[in-house]
Amino acid sequence: MQLRYQYRVYPSPGQRMALAKAFGCARLVWNDALALRKRAYQDGVAISPGDVAKRVTTVAKKTPQRAFLSEVSAVVLQQSLRDLDTAYKNFFESVSGKRKGPKAGPPRFKKRASRQSIRVNRNAFSLTQKRRLYVAKVGDLKVRWSRELPAVPSSVTVIKTAAGRYFASFVIEVAAQPLPVLSEDQDTGIDLGLSSFAVLRGRVIASPRFLRQAERRIRKAQRELARKRNGSANRRKTRVKLAKAHARVANRRRDFIEQETTRIVRENQAVYVEDLYVKGMAVRRGRRGKSVGDQALGAFTRTLEAKCARFGRGFAKVGRWFPSTQLCSACGTVEGPKGLAGLKARTWVCGCGAVHDRDANAEHNIRAEGRRVLAEGRSERLNARGAQVRPVPVPAPRVETGTRRGVDRAKAESPAPDTRKEPGL
């Protein structure tokens, strides 16, 4: 499987200028190619990726308006065009139904204010003996090696964030690393919520609320930014200050997710979670939508699934319509609190006399249903002799390129919100 290893880099002032040129040229080639393909589509003319590359790079370099494209590595421009082709491929496969997951929208023009990045393959970068990252026409970049690379990288993406920080993201190919096998009954269901981040078998993870903790600092920076004059140096400084505040929240949240998912994978042989519709939850919550986003439930689930596949742990998703909260784990009847009105009920009594804690009962039901789902999945992949009949799915690598859906289209195509299961407040 492919993984990404990201490190902080510290370019010199001259290297920052070279990277700024590379960022700008890559963005310009992307926008020129996108405009060319849009114009060809409107005119009803077929145009191949090779023709697009020739016109926006080879021919464009010979014109006075685009002569500066020769100042950056040709690999940077080629990779930008490949990223555009990948974005179009994802869009077409999403429309046709071949691509699973959230719907991908068509490629969009890139803005200078957006995150800046360039991606190069092994033809344009190398690791020097002095443990520096060499990028063609940029130079040797100083890297803070927070951990060792387990394999030779196939490509690297140099990123400049809104906070003005530079990072190098390496793509490497690694084999699965199974952990020691635990007993089959050493598994857990996970009930995700808001009052508690997650309820596991015998353990509760408290909600960290990183955004809520930093809200005062962020609001102060936003007020300062609103008072600055557009285009002034003070406005740029304040914008970076605000971006750093948001980056600190994102870094703390990411570190929390990495630590908790690693602990869960090490302590359990199998993990079962609900297939929550997080976007619908945020819309239905109204004022609590910020709290839903602060929990980052989707990122937690994706990270947990990827680590289970990497370290040989069982993983299953329980359907979003499964009544985990309302189902009595003792007698199997559905008598628990329902809808938004039932969110305030933290405990409830079943007709059979069993008294249930809302979240603990949901975890028990998710664990039982997850075992059934995981057993069905294993039986489909094994033949009569117990051999694999098809490969086990592995997580797709996180790519740097991608497109966002339009706002109107997202509202029109989003599935109906789940009204049967609500996580605890």
Protein backbone atom coordinates (compact mmCIF):
# COMPACT_ATOMS: atom_id res chain seq x y z
CA MET A 1 0.00 0.00 0.00
CA GLN A 2 1.02 3.61 -0.49
CA LEU A 3 1.56 5.95 2.44
CA ARG A 4 2.54 9.57 2.84
CA TYR A 5 5.26 10.81 5.17
CA GLN A 6 5.25 14.56 5.73
CA TYR A 7 8.14 16.65 7.08
CA ARG A 8 8.73 20.32 7.76
CA VAL A 9 11.22 22.01 5.43
CA TYR A 10 13.05 25.30 5.88
CA PRO A 11 13.95 26.93 2.54
CA SER A 12 16.37 29.83 2.36
CA PRO A 13 15.16 33.23 1.04
CA GLY A 14 16.46 32.41 -2.43
CA GLN A 15 14.81 29.01 -2.38
CA ARG A 16 11.53 30.60 -1.31
CA MET A 17 11.65 32.77 -4.43
CA ALA A 18 12.36 29.72 -6.59
CA LEU A 19 9.48 27.83 -4.97
CA ALA A 20 7.18 30.82 -5.46
CA LYS A 21 8.01 30.74 -9.19
CA ALA A 22 7.35 27.01 -9.32
CA PHE A 23 4.04 27.37 -7.46
CA GLY A 24 2.92 30.13 -9.79
CA CYS A 25 3.94 28.34 -12.99
CA ALA A 26 2.27 25.10 -11.93
CA ARG A 27 -0.93 27.00 -11.12
CA LEU A 28 -0.77 28.91 -14.42
CA VAL A 29 -0.32 25.74 -16.48
CA TRP A 30 -3.24 24.12 -14.64
CA ASN A 31 -5.50 27.11 -15.33
CA ASP A 32 -4.42 27.40 -18.98
CA ALA A 33 -5.01 23.69 -19.59
CA LEU A 34 -8.37 23.79 -17.84
CA ALA A 35 -9.49 26.81 -19.87
CA LEU A 36 -8.35 25.09 -23.08
CA ARG A 37 -10.28 21.91 -22.30
CA LYS A 38 -13.40 23.86 -21.33
CA ARG A 39 -13.24 25.87 -24.55
CA ALA A 40 -12.77 22.71 -26.63
CA TYR A 41 -15.77 21.10 -24.93
CA GLN A 42 -17.95 24.15 -25.63
CA ASP A 43 -16.87 24.15 -29.29
CA GLY A 44 -17.48 20.41 -29.60
CA VAL A 45 -13.86 19.73 -30.54
CA ALA A 46 -12.01 16.67 -29.22
CA ILE A 47 -8.60 17.43 -27.75
CA SER A 48 -6.17 14.90 -26.32
CA PRO A 49 -4.06 15.39 -23.17
CA GLY A 50 -0.96 15.37 -25.37
CA ASP A 51 -2.26 18.25 -27.46
CA VAL A 52 -3.14 20.17 -24.32
CA ALA A 53 0.35 19.67 -22.89
CA LYS A 54 1.98 20.75 -26.13
CA ARG A 55 -0.03 23.96 -26.41
CA VAL A 56 0.23 25.12 -22.78
CA THR A 57 3.92 24.25 -22.27
CA THR A 58 6.00 23.63 -25.40
CA VAL A 59 4.30 26.23 -27.61
CA ALA A 60 3.60 28.65 -24.77
CA LYS A 61 7.29 28.83 -23.78
CA LYS A 62 8.09 30.32 -27.20
CA THR A 63 5.75 33.26 -26.67
CA PRO A 64 6.79 36.44 -24.82
CA GLN A 65 3.82 36.13 -22.44
CA ARG A 66 4.80 32.62 -21.24
CA ALA A 67 8.58 32.62 -21.72
CA PHE A 68 9.10 32.54 -17.93
CA LEU A 69 7.80 28.94 -17.85
CA SER A 70 11.32 27.87 -18.85
CA GLU A 71 12.66 29.12 -15.51
CA VAL A 72 11.13 26.19 -13.59
CA SER A 73 11.60 22.45 -13.96
CA ALA A 74 9.63 20.87 -16.80
CA VAL A 75 8.64 18.05 -14.43
CA VAL A 76 6.69 20.54 -12.30
CA LEU A 77 4.60 21.56 -15.32
CA GLN A 78 4.12 17.97 -16.49
CA GLN A 79 2.94 16.82 -13.06
CA SER A 80 0.49 19.71 -12.89
CA LEU A 81 -1.05 18.54 -16.17
CA ARG A 82 -1.15 14.94 -14.92
CA ASP A 83 -2.95 16.13 -11.81
CA LEU A 84 -5.54 17.84 -14.01
CA ASP A 85 -6.03 14.62 -15.98
CA THR A 86 -6.51 12.74 -12.70
CA ALA A 87 -9.08 15.30 -11.54
CA TYR A 88 -11.04 14.88 -14.79
CA LYS A 89 -10.81 11.10 -14.52
CA ASN A 90 -12.16 11.17 -10.97
CA PHE A 91 -15.00 13.43 -12.08
CA PHE A 92 -16.04 11.25 -15.03
CA GLU A 93 -15.82 8.04 -13.01
CA SER A 94 -17.84 9.63 -10.23
CA VAL A 95 -20.57 10.70 -12.66
CA SER A 96 -20.70 7.25 -14.27
CA GLY A 97 -20.78 5.49 -10.90
CA LYS A 98 -17.42 3.71 -11.27
CA ARG A 99 -15.86 5.73 -8.45
CA LYS A 100 -17.10 5.01 -4.95
CA GLY A 101 -17.33 7.51 -2.16
CA PRO A 102 -18.47 11.14 -2.23
CA LYS A 103 -19.28 12.61 -5.61
CA ALA A 104 -16.39 14.47 -7.23
CA GLY A 105 -17.06 17.72 -9.02
CA PRO A 106 -15.33 18.99 -12.18
CA PRO A 107 -11.88 20.59 -11.88
CA ARG A 108 -11.81 24.25 -10.90
CA PHE A 109 -9.46 27.11 -11.56
CA LYS A 110 -6.83 27.59 -8.87
CA LYS A 111 -6.43 30.86 -7.03
CA ARG A 112 -3.24 32.40 -5.80
CA ALA A 113 -4.71 32.60 -2.29
CA SER A 114 -5.26 28.84 -2.17
CA ARG A 115 -2.76 26.36 -0.78
CA GLN A 116 0.29 26.29 -3.04
CA SER A 117 2.08 23.09 -3.96
CA ILE A 118 4.18 21.37 -6.60
CA ARG A 119 4.63 17.65 -7.15
CA VAL A 120 7.68 16.05 -8.76
CA ASN A 121 8.75 12.47 -9.42
CA ARG A 122 12.18 10.92 -9.01
CA ASN A 123 13.42 12.62 -12.18
CA ALA A 124 13.38 15.99 -10.41
CA PHE A 125 14.25 15.28 -6.77
CA SER A 126 16.69 13.27 -4.69
CA LEU A 127 17.90 12.90 -1.11
CA THR A 128 21.49 14.06 -0.68
CA GLN A 129 24.14 12.55 1.58
CA LYS A 130 23.75 15.54 3.89
CA ARG A 131 20.11 14.51 4.45
CA ARG A 132 18.71 17.34 2.40
CA LEU A 133 15.99 17.30 -0.24
CA TYR A 134 17.20 18.36 -3.67
CA VAL A 135 14.49 19.70 -5.99
CA ALA A 136 15.38 20.62 -9.56
CA LYS A 137 15.86 24.38 -10.09
CA VAL A 138 15.17 25.00 -6.38
CA GLY A 139 18.21 23.56 -4.61
CA ASP A 140 18.91 21.57 -1.46
CA LEU A 141 16.12 22.10 1.05
CA LYS A 142 16.74 21.69 4.77
CA VAL A 143 14.39 19.04 6.16
CA ARG A 144 13.45 18.35 9.76
CA TRP A 145 13.48 14.55 9.80
CA SER A 146 11.03 13.83 12.62
CA ARG A 147 11.11 10.12 11.66
CA GLU A 148 12.98 7.95 9.20
CA LEU A 149 11.61 7.13 5.78
CA PRO A 150 10.93 3.36 5.70
CA ALA A 151 11.42 3.12 1.92
CA VAL A 152 12.64 5.04 -1.11
CA PRO A 153 10.00 7.65 -2.06
CA SER A 154 8.52 7.61 -5.55
CA SER A 155 7.40 11.25 -5.54
CA VAL A 156 7.35 14.30 -3.31
CA THR A 157 4.98 17.23 -2.97
CA VAL A 158 6.35 20.52 -1.65
CA ILE A 159 3.59 22.49 0.06
CA LYS A 160 3.26 26.04 1.34
CA THR A 161 0.38 26.45 3.78
CA ALA A 162 -1.66 29.56 4.45
CA ALA A 163 0.38 30.02 7.63
CA GLY A 164 3.55 30.41 5.54
CA ARG A 165 5.04 27.05 6.52
CA TYR A 166 6.66 24.66 4.06
CA PHE A 167 6.29 20.88 4.08
CA ALA A 168 7.55 17.97 1.98
CA SER A 169 5.14 15.07 1.56
CA PHE A 170 6.78 11.83 0.33
CA VAL A 171 4.88 8.94 -1.25
CA ILE A 172 6.32 5.53 -0.39
CA GLU A 173 5.28 1.93 -1.02
CA VAL A 174 5.18 -0.28 2.07
CA ALA A 175 3.94 -3.78 2.80
CA ALA A 176 1.34 -4.61 5.42
CA GLN A 177 2.72 -4.87 8.96
CA PRO A 178 0.43 -7.24 10.91
CA LEU A 179 0.49 -6.89 14.68
CA PRO A 180 0.49 -9.94 16.99
CA VAL A 181 -2.90 -11.67 16.81
CA LEU A 182 -5.16 -11.17 19.83
CA SER A 183 -8.06 -13.33 20.96
CA GLU A 184 -11.20 -13.15 18.83
CA ASP A 185 -13.34 -11.79 21.67
CA GLN A 186 -10.91 -8.89 22.17
CA ASP A 187 -12.84 -6.50 19.95
CA THR A 188 -14.88 -3.35 20.43
CA GLY A 189 -17.69 -1.35 18.97
CA ILE A 190 -17.33 2.43 18.83
CA ASP A 191 -20.26 4.75 19.45
CA LEU A 192 -19.27 8.23 18.27
CA GLY A 193 -20.93 11.31 19.73
CA LEU A 194 -20.58 14.88 20.97
CA SER A 195 -20.77 14.79 24.77
CA SER A 196 -18.20 11.97 24.64
CA PHE A 197 -16.02 11.64 21.58
CA ALA A 198 -16.32 7.84 21.55
CA VAL A 199 -17.60 5.07 23.80
CA LEU A 200 -15.66 1.81 23.49
CA ARG A 201 -15.84 -1.50 25.26
CA GLY A 202 -14.87 -0.58 28.81
CA ARG A 203 -13.47 2.86 27.95
CA VAL A 204 -14.77 6.32 27.16
CA ILE A 205 -12.83 8.91 25.14
CA ALA A 206 -13.70 12.45 26.24
CA SER A 207 -14.36 15.13 23.64
CA PRO A 208 -11.21 17.27 23.21
CA ARG A 209 -13.06 20.32 21.74
CA PHE A 210 -9.92 21.87 20.26
CA LEU A 211 -11.82 24.49 18.26
CA ARG A 212 -13.86 25.57 21.26
CA GLN A 213 -10.69 26.01 23.30
CA ALA A 214 -9.10 28.23 20.64
CA GLU A 215 -12.26 30.16 19.76
CA ARG A 216 -11.33 33.29 21.71
CA ARG A 217 -7.93 33.56 20.04
CA ILE A 218 -9.43 32.96 16.59
CA ARG A 219 -12.19 35.53 17.08
CA LYS A 220 -9.69 38.13 18.20
CA ALA A 221 -7.54 37.53 15.11
CA GLN A 222 -10.62 37.71 12.87
CA ARG A 223 -11.64 41.07 14.35
CA GLU A 224 -8.12 42.41 13.83
CA LEU A 225 -8.15 41.21 10.22
CA ALA A 226 -11.49 42.90 9.54
CA ARG A 227 -10.05 46.26 10.63
CA LYS A 228 -6.98 46.12 8.38
CA ARG A 229 -6.90 47.84 5.02
CA ASN A 230 -6.91 45.56 1.99
CA GLY A 231 -3.47 45.10 0.47
CA SER A 232 -1.57 46.48 3.47
CA ALA A 233 1.39 44.76 5.10
CA ASN A 234 -0.41 44.68 8.45
CA ARG A 235 -3.30 42.81 6.86
CA ARG A 236 -0.91 40.18 5.51
CA LYS A 237 0.65 39.77 8.96
CA THR A 238 -2.75 39.43 10.61
CA ARG A 239 -3.87 36.93 7.99
CA VAL A 240 -0.85 34.76 8.76
CA LYS A 241 -1.59 35.09 12.48
CA LEU A 242 -5.14 33.85 11.91
CA ALA A 243 -3.93 31.01 9.69
CA LYS A 244 -1.47 29.90 12.38
CA ALA A 245 -4.28 29.79 14.95
CA HIS A 246 -6.35 27.55 12.68
CA ALA A 247 -3.28 25.42 11.89
CA ARG A 248 -2.65 24.86 15.60
CA VAL A 249 -6.20 23.56 16.03
CA ALA A 250 -5.82 21.27 13.02
CA ASN A 251 -2.47 19.95 14.26
CA ARG A 252 -3.81 19.20 17.74
CA ARG A 253 -6.85 17.46 16.29
CA ARG A 254 -4.71 15.40 13.91
CA ASP A 255 -2.36 14.36 16.71
CA PHE A 256 -5.31 13.35 18.89
CA ILE A 257 -6.78 11.19 16.12
CA GLU A 258 -3.44 9.52 15.39
CA GLN A 259 -2.81 8.65 19.04
CA GLU A 260 -6.31 7.35 19.76
CA THR A 261 -6.59 5.27 16.58
CA THR A 262 -3.16 3.72 17.23
CA ARG A 263 -4.18 2.74 20.75
CA ILE A 264 -7.47 1.24 19.54
CA VAL A 265 -5.74 -0.83 16.86
CA ARG A 266 -3.14 -2.14 19.31
CA GLU A 267 -5.68 -3.12 21.96
CA ASN A 268 -8.32 -4.79 19.75
CA GLN A 269 -8.32 -7.56 17.17
CA ALA A 270 -11.40 -6.12 15.43
CA VAL A 271 -13.11 -2.72 15.44
CA TYR A 272 -16.68 -1.85 14.45
CA VAL A 273 -18.03 1.66 13.81
CA GLU A 274 -21.20 3.21 12.47
CA ASP A 275 -21.43 4.55 8.93
CA LEU A 276 -22.46 8.04 10.02
CA TYR A 277 -23.64 10.76 7.63
CA VAL A 278 -21.53 13.51 9.18
CA LYS A 279 -22.55 16.24 6.73
CA GLY A 280 -26.22 15.61 7.43
CA MET A 281 -25.56 15.64 11.16
CA ALA A 282 -23.97 19.09 10.93
CA VAL A 283 -26.94 20.46 8.97
CA ARG A 284 -29.55 19.06 11.35
CA ARG A 285 -27.72 20.25 14.44
CA GLY A 286 -28.02 23.93 13.59
CA ARG A 287 -25.95 25.79 16.16
CA ARG A 288 -24.23 22.54 17.13
CA GLY A 289 -22.90 22.10 13.60
CA LYS A 290 -19.60 23.64 14.72
CA SER A 291 -19.31 20.99 17.43
CA VAL A 292 -19.89 18.25 14.86
CA GLY A 293 -17.09 19.65 12.71
CA ASP A 294 -14.82 20.05 15.73
CA GLN A 295 -15.10 16.32 16.47
CA ALA A 296 -13.77 15.34 13.00
CA LEU A 297 -15.67 12.04 13.11
CA GLY A 298 -15.08 11.35 9.42
CA ALA A 299 -11.31 11.80 9.69
CA PHE A 300 -11.26 9.56 12.77
CA THR A 301 -13.14 6.77 10.96
CA ARG A 302 -10.98 6.97 7.82
CA THR A 303 -7.74 6.92 9.82
CA LEU A 304 -8.94 3.98 11.90
CA GLU A 305 -9.95 2.00 8.80
CA ALA A 306 -6.57 2.62 7.14
CA LYS A 307 -4.63 1.51 10.22
CA CYS A 308 -6.73 -1.64 10.61
CA ALA A 309 -5.91 -2.60 7.02
CA ARG A 310 -2.22 -1.82 7.50
CA PHE A 311 -1.79 -3.71 10.77
CA GLY A 312 -4.00 -6.71 10.06
CA ARG A 313 -7.00 -5.87 12.24
CA GLY A 314 -10.61 -6.59 11.42
CA PHE A 315 -12.78 -3.59 10.54
CA ALA A 316 -16.47 -3.35 9.73
CA LYS A 317 -18.98 -0.54 9.29
CA VAL A 318 -22.50 -0.91 10.63
CA GLY A 319 -25.24 0.54 8.43
CA ARG A 320 -26.39 4.04 9.31
CA TRP A 321 -30.00 2.84 9.61
CA PHE A 322 -29.12 0.27 12.27
CA PRO A 323 -30.98 1.33 15.51
CA SER A 324 -28.01 0.90 17.83
CA THR A 325 -29.33 3.32 20.46
CA GLN A 326 -32.96 2.18 20.39
CA LEU A 327 -32.27 -1.57 20.37
CA CYS A 328 -32.30 -3.31 23.74
CA SER A 329 -29.13 -5.38 24.03
CA ALA A 330 -30.87 -7.74 26.49
CA CYS A 331 -34.09 -8.73 24.71
CA GLY A 332 -33.62 -7.32 21.19
CA THR A 333 -36.70 -5.09 21.08
CA VAL A 334 -36.60 -1.55 19.69
CA GLU A 335 -37.94 0.58 22.53
CA GLY A 336 -35.20 3.16 23.11
CA PRO A 337 -35.48 6.96 22.75
CA LYS A 338 -36.04 8.11 19.18
CA GLY A 339 -35.41 11.28 17.20
CA LEU A 340 -34.10 14.63 18.35
CA ALA A 341 -36.43 14.62 21.36
CA GLY A 342 -34.76 11.47 22.68
CA LEU A 343 -31.26 12.93 22.69
CA LYS A 344 -31.66 14.23 26.23
CA ALA A 345 -32.36 10.74 27.58
CA ARG A 346 -28.98 9.41 28.73
CA THR A 347 -30.51 6.27 30.29
CA TRP A 348 -33.69 4.38 29.49
CA VAL A 349 -35.61 1.37 30.77
CA CYS A 350 -36.75 -1.40 28.43
CA GLY A 351 -40.04 -3.25 28.83
CA CYS A 352 -38.07 -6.34 29.86
CA GLY A 353 -36.79 -4.46 32.91
CA ALA A 354 -33.24 -3.85 31.66
CA VAL A 355 -31.80 -0.41 32.45
CA HIS A 356 -29.46 0.89 29.75
CA ASP A 357 -26.90 3.63 29.54
CA ARG A 358 -27.53 5.16 26.14
CA ASP A 359 -23.96 5.06 24.82
CA ALA A 360 -22.89 1.79 26.45
CA ASN A 361 -25.96 0.04 25.02
CA ALA A 362 -25.19 1.47 21.57
CA GLU A 363 -21.60 0.20 21.76
CA HIS A 364 -22.81 -3.30 22.70
CA ASN A 365 -25.24 -3.38 19.76
CA ILE A 366 -22.65 -2.02 17.32
CA ARG A 367 -20.19 -4.70 18.44
CA ALA A 368 -22.74 -7.50 17.93
CA GLU A 369 -23.81 -6.20 14.52
CA GLY A 370 -20.19 -5.56 13.50
CA ARG A 371 -19.26 -9.16 14.26
CA ARG A 372 -22.04 -10.33 11.98
CA VAL A 373 -21.03 -7.96 9.16
CA LEU A 374 -17.35 -8.91 9.46
CA ALA A 375 -18.19 -12.63 9.44
CA GLU A 376 -20.24 -12.23 6.27
CA GLY A 377 -17.42 -10.35 4.59
CA ARG A 378 -14.89 -13.04 5.46
CA SER A 379 -17.13 -15.84 4.19
CA GLU A 380 -17.42 -14.10 0.83
CA ARG A 381 -13.62 -13.93 0.47
CA LEU A 382 -12.89 -17.57 1.42
CA ASN A 383 -13.50 -20.72 -0.60
CA ALA A 384 -14.25 -24.19 0.79
CA ARG A 385 -10.58 -24.72 1.73
CA GLY A 386 -10.31 -21.36 3.48
CA ALA A 387 -8.17 -19.75 0.78
CA GLN A 388 -8.64 -16.21 -0.48
CA VAL A 389 -10.80 -15.95 -3.58
CA ARG A 390 -10.26 -12.22 -3.99
CA PRO A 391 -7.87 -9.72 -2.42
CA VAL A 392 -8.77 -7.93 0.77
CA PRO A 393 -9.50 -4.23 0.18
CA VAL A 394 -6.75 -1.84 1.23
CA PRO A 395 -7.08 1.91 1.77
CA ALA A 396 -6.41 4.10 -1.23
CA PRO A 397 -3.50 6.54 -0.86
CA ARG A 398 -4.28 10.09 0.09
CA VAL A 399 -3.54 12.17 -3.00
CA GLU A 400 -2.73 15.83 -3.14
CA THR A 401 -4.91 16.55 -6.16
CA GLY A 402 -8.67 16.70 -5.98
CA THR A 403 -11.74 18.74 -6.73
CA ARG A 404 -14.57 20.01 -4.64
CA ARG A 405 -18.21 19.71 -5.42
CA GLY A 406 -20.36 22.72 -6.12
CA VAL A 407 -22.49 23.92 -3.23
CA ASP A 408 -25.81 23.69 -5.08
CA ARG A 409 -25.01 20.30 -6.51
CA ALA A 410 -23.94 18.96 -3.11
CA LYS A 411 -27.30 19.94 -1.62
CA ALA A 412 -29.20 18.39 -4.50
CA GLU A 413 -27.36 15.07 -4.54
CA SER A 414 -26.71 14.51 -0.83
CA PRO A 415 -28.61 11.50 0.58
CA ALA A 416 -31.51 11.90 2.97
CA PRO A 417 -30.35 12.60 6.53
CA ASP A 418 -30.50 9.83 9.07
CA THR A 419 -33.31 10.48 11.55
CA ARG A 420 -33.21 7.12 13.23
CA LYS A 421 -29.73 7.23 14.80
CA GLU A 422 -28.31 10.28 16.51
CA PRO A 423 -25.04 10.30 18.48
CA GLY A 424 -25.21 11.49 22.05
CA LEU A 425 -24.85 15.13 22.94
